[in-house]
Amino acid sequence: MRYFWKPFLWIVIIAVLSLLPGDDLPQKTFIIPHFDKIVHVGMYFISCLFLIPPFEKLRVGKGYFAAFVSSLFLGALFEVLQNTIARNRSGNYDDFFADLAGAALALFFYRFFVSGKKIERIFTVR
């Protein structure tokens, strides 16, 4: 568990944001079109980035694949929970595809811009 404290903390943040009642969310639309999809991409981009190092460290199959699948599972789970338990919220496929895009981008970003670089220390636990 000690390797997963950073992803766990991030997942708690995603859970809180995903399950907030719809009444508590800003009703005003942003100037940026599809801003909510950008938020989904960002949330799951970061979750996948934080999941890669622990899975790699524990040698859970292919760490990248495990991180990607875990991020997708979480994305699907929170979309279902939004439909079932969150008040005035609804999950949808477009949000899930944005989650998928964020996790996929994270794989490429980690491989080419994080792995083996100084910035990798942010994501790893010793």
C-alpha atoms as a PDB file:
ATOM      1  CA  MET A   1       0.000   0.000   0.000  1.00  0.00           C
ATOM      2  CA  ARG A   2       2.875   2.385   0.681  1.00  0.00           C
ATOM      3  CA  TYR A   3       3.598   2.628  -3.045  1.00  0.00           C
ATOM      4  CA  PHE A   4       0.016   3.601  -3.765  1.00  0.00           C
ATOM      5  CA  TRP A   5      -0.471   6.534  -1.385  1.00  0.00           C
ATOM      6  CA  LYS A   6      -0.170   9.163  -4.139  1.00  0.00           C
ATOM      7  CA  PRO A   7      -2.606   7.483  -6.537  1.00  0.00           C
ATOM      8  CA  PHE A   8      -4.927   6.718  -3.632  1.00  0.00           C
ATOM      9  CA  LEU A   9      -5.008  10.381  -2.605  1.00  0.00           C
ATOM     10  CA  TRP A  10      -5.697  11.409  -6.207  1.00  0.00           C
ATOM     11  CA  ILE A  11      -8.478   8.816  -6.526  1.00  0.00           C
ATOM     12  CA  VAL A  12     -10.120  10.213  -3.379  1.00  0.00           C
ATOM     13  CA  ILE A  13     -10.055  13.663  -5.013  1.00  0.00           C
ATOM     14  CA  ILE A  14     -11.622  12.230  -8.179  1.00  0.00           C
ATOM     15  CA  ALA A  15     -14.287  10.461  -6.085  1.00  0.00           C
ATOM     16  CA  VAL A  16     -15.221  13.639  -4.237  1.00  0.00           C
ATOM     17  CA  LEU A  17     -15.398  15.682  -7.442  1.00  0.00           C
ATOM     18  CA  SER A  18     -17.270  12.973  -9.334  1.00  0.00           C
ATOM     19  CA  LEU A  19     -19.856  12.373  -6.650  1.00  0.00           C
ATOM     20  CA  LEU A  20     -20.613  15.963  -5.662  1.00  0.00           C
ATOM     21  CA  PRO A  21     -24.311  16.653  -6.064  1.00  0.00           C
ATOM     22  CA  GLY A  22     -25.084  18.312  -9.374  1.00  0.00           C
ATOM     23  CA  ASP A  23     -26.573  21.253  -7.476  1.00  0.00           C
ATOM     24  CA  ASP A  24     -23.118  22.042  -6.043  1.00  0.00           C
ATOM     25  CA  LEU A  25     -21.485  22.345  -9.464  1.00  0.00           C
ATOM     26  CA  PRO A  26     -21.196  25.642 -11.321  1.00  0.00           C
ATOM     27  CA  GLN A  27     -24.189  26.072 -13.595  1.00  0.00           C
ATOM     28  CA  LYS A  28     -22.541  28.749 -15.699  1.00  0.00           C
ATOM     29  CA  THR A  29     -20.899  27.391 -18.835  1.00  0.00           C
ATOM     30  CA  PHE A  30     -17.268  28.222 -19.355  1.00  0.00           C
ATOM     31  CA  ILE A  31     -15.906  30.089 -22.346  1.00  0.00           C
ATOM     32  CA  ILE A  32     -13.975  26.955 -23.311  1.00  0.00           C
ATOM     33  CA  PRO A  33     -16.235  24.532 -25.209  1.00  0.00           C
ATOM     34  CA  HIS A  34     -16.487  21.062 -23.647  1.00  0.00           C
ATOM     35  CA  PHE A  35     -14.611  22.204 -20.553  1.00  0.00           C
ATOM     36  CA  ASP A  36     -16.008  19.246 -18.599  1.00  0.00           C
ATOM     37  CA  LYS A  37     -14.368  16.821 -21.045  1.00  0.00           C
ATOM     38  CA  ILE A  38     -11.034  18.600 -20.602  1.00  0.00           C
ATOM     39  CA  VAL A  39     -11.433  18.133 -16.840  1.00  0.00           C
ATOM     40  CA  HIS A  40     -12.094  14.400 -17.355  1.00  0.00           C
ATOM     41  CA  VAL A  41      -9.009  14.062 -19.562  1.00  0.00           C
ATOM     42  CA  GLY A  42      -6.916  15.833 -16.928  1.00  0.00           C
ATOM     43  CA  MET A  43      -8.206  13.816 -13.971  1.00  0.00           C
ATOM     44  CA  TYR A  44      -7.517  10.459 -15.576  1.00  0.00           C
ATOM     45  CA  PHE A  45      -4.246  11.634 -17.139  1.00  0.00           C
ATOM     46  CA  ILE A  46      -2.982  12.337 -13.625  1.00  0.00           C
ATOM     47  CA  SER A  47      -4.453   9.141 -12.156  1.00  0.00           C
ATOM     48  CA  CYS A  48      -2.687   7.015 -14.758  1.00  0.00           C
ATOM     49  CA  LEU A  49       0.587   8.925 -14.241  1.00  0.00           C
ATOM     50  CA  PHE A  50       0.410   8.209 -10.509  1.00  0.00           C
ATOM     51  CA  LEU A  51      -0.460   4.537 -11.038  1.00  0.00           C
ATOM     52  CA  ILE A  52       2.366   3.638 -13.420  1.00  0.00           C
ATOM     53  CA  PRO A  53       5.289   3.750 -10.922  1.00  0.00           C
ATOM     54  CA  PRO A  54       3.704   1.566  -8.203  1.00  0.00           C
ATOM     55  CA  PHE A  55       2.656  -1.065 -10.730  1.00  0.00           C
ATOM     56  CA  GLU A  56       6.118  -0.969 -12.319  1.00  0.00           C
ATOM     57  CA  LYS A  57       7.799  -1.197  -8.897  1.00  0.00           C
ATOM     58  CA  LEU A  58       5.680  -4.181  -7.882  1.00  0.00           C
ATOM     59  CA  ARG A  59       6.157  -5.753 -11.312  1.00  0.00           C
ATOM     60  CA  VAL A  60       2.435  -6.260 -11.782  1.00  0.00           C
ATOM     61  CA  GLY A  61       2.447  -7.595 -15.323  1.00  0.00           C
ATOM     62  CA  LYS A  62       3.158  -4.655 -17.549  1.00  0.00           C
ATOM     63  CA  GLY A  63       2.957  -1.659 -15.235  1.00  0.00           C
ATOM     64  CA  TYR A  64       1.786   0.632 -18.000  1.00  0.00           C
ATOM     65  CA  PHE A  65      -1.035  -1.721 -18.949  1.00  0.00           C
ATOM     66  CA  ALA A  66      -2.113  -2.219 -15.318  1.00  0.00           C
ATOM     67  CA  ALA A  67      -2.163   1.553 -14.757  1.00  0.00           C
ATOM     68  CA  PHE A  68      -4.179   2.119 -17.923  1.00  0.00           C
ATOM     69  CA  VAL A  69      -6.728  -0.592 -17.139  1.00  0.00           C
ATOM     70  CA  SER A  70      -7.027   0.576 -13.519  1.00  0.00           C
ATOM     71  CA  SER A  71      -7.672   4.146 -14.674  1.00  0.00           C
ATOM     72  CA  LEU A  72     -10.328   2.945 -17.106  1.00  0.00           C
ATOM     73  CA  PHE A  73     -11.946   0.825 -14.413  1.00  0.00           C
ATOM     74  CA  LEU A  74     -12.087   3.843 -12.111  1.00  0.00           C
ATOM     75  CA  GLY A  75     -13.509   6.006 -14.883  1.00  0.00           C
ATOM     76  CA  ALA A  76     -16.244   3.466 -15.592  1.00  0.00           C
ATOM     77  CA  LEU A  77     -16.941   2.988 -11.888  1.00  0.00           C
ATOM     78  CA  PHE A  78     -17.409   6.701 -11.249  1.00  0.00           C
ATOM     79  CA  GLU A  79     -19.646   7.075 -14.306  1.00  0.00           C
ATOM     80  CA  VAL A  80     -21.860   4.264 -12.983  1.00  0.00           C
ATOM     81  CA  LEU A  81     -21.850   5.772  -9.487  1.00  0.00           C
ATOM     82  CA  GLN A  82     -22.850   9.141 -10.917  1.00  0.00           C
ATOM     83  CA  ASN A  83     -25.861   7.445 -12.515  1.00  0.00           C
ATOM     84  CA  THR A  84     -26.821   5.480  -9.421  1.00  0.00           C
ATOM     85  CA  ILE A  85     -25.916   7.285  -6.191  1.00  0.00           C
ATOM     86  CA  ALA A  86     -24.929  10.876  -7.000  1.00  0.00           C
ATOM     87  CA  ARG A  87     -27.750  13.400  -6.708  1.00  0.00           C
ATOM     88  CA  ASN A  88     -28.542  15.298  -9.908  1.00  0.00           C
ATOM     89  CA  ARG A  89     -25.593  13.770 -11.752  1.00  0.00           C
ATOM     90  CA  SER A  90     -25.484  11.444 -14.701  1.00  0.00           C
ATOM     91  CA  GLY A  91     -22.654   9.419 -16.118  1.00  0.00           C
ATOM     92  CA  ASN A  92     -22.265   9.121 -19.852  1.00  0.00           C
ATOM     93  CA  TYR A  93     -20.137   7.508 -22.511  1.00  0.00           C
ATOM     94  CA  ASP A  94     -18.618  10.801 -23.665  1.00  0.00           C
ATOM     95  CA  ASP A  95     -17.154  11.336 -20.190  1.00  0.00           C
ATOM     96  CA  PHE A  96     -15.816   7.787 -20.160  1.00  0.00           C
ATOM     97  CA  PHE A  97     -14.154   8.306 -23.547  1.00  0.00           C
ATOM     98  CA  ALA A  98     -12.557  11.485 -22.188  1.00  0.00           C
ATOM     99  CA  ASP A  99     -11.286   9.406 -19.231  1.00  0.00           C
ATOM    100  CA  LEU A 100      -9.880   6.875 -21.706  1.00  0.00           C
ATOM    101  CA  ALA A 101      -8.178   9.646 -23.701  1.00  0.00           C
ATOM    102  CA  GLY A 102      -6.578  11.056 -20.546  1.00  0.00           C
ATOM    103  CA  ALA A 103      -5.238   7.669 -19.470  1.00  0.00           C
ATOM    104  CA  ALA A 104      -3.899   6.947 -22.970  1.00  0.00           C
ATOM    105  CA  LEU A 105      -2.175  10.335 -23.148  1.00  0.00           C
ATOM    106  CA  ALA A 106      -0.584   9.622 -19.781  1.00  0.00           C
ATOM    107  CA  LEU A 107       1.040   6.443 -21.111  1.00  0.00           C
ATOM    108  CA  PHE A 108       2.773   8.311 -23.908  1.00  0.00           C
ATOM    109  CA  PHE A 109       3.631  11.289 -21.714  1.00  0.00           C
ATOM    110  CA  TYR A 110       5.147   9.089 -19.014  1.00  0.00           C
ATOM    111  CA  ARG A 111       7.147   7.051 -21.487  1.00  0.00           C
ATOM    112  CA  PHE A 112       8.643  10.005 -23.341  1.00  0.00           C
ATOM    113  CA  PHE A 113       8.732  12.840 -20.809  1.00  0.00           C
ATOM    114  CA  VAL A 114       8.858  11.274 -17.330  1.00  0.00           C
ATOM    115  CA  SER A 115      10.498   7.846 -17.381  1.00  0.00           C
ATOM    116  CA  GLY A 116      14.191   8.120 -16.575  1.00  0.00           C
ATOM    117  CA  LYS A 117      14.023  11.913 -16.118  1.00  0.00           C
ATOM    118  CA  LYS A 118      14.366  13.993 -12.945  1.00  0.00           C
ATOM    119  CA  ILE A 119      10.629  14.679 -12.941  1.00  0.00           C
ATOM    120  CA  GLU A 120      10.033  10.970 -12.329  1.00  0.00           C
ATOM    121  CA  ARG A 121      10.721  11.568  -8.618  1.00  0.00           C
ATOM    122  CA  ILE A 122       7.366  13.336  -8.325  1.00  0.00           C
ATOM    123  CA  PHE A 123       5.526  10.159  -9.224  1.00  0.00           C
ATOM    124  CA  THR A 124       7.618   7.498  -7.498  1.00  0.00           C
ATOM    125  CA  VAL A 125       7.766   6.298  -3.905  1.00  0.00           C
ATOM    126  CA  ARG A 126      11.012   4.914  -2.579  1.00  0.00           C
END
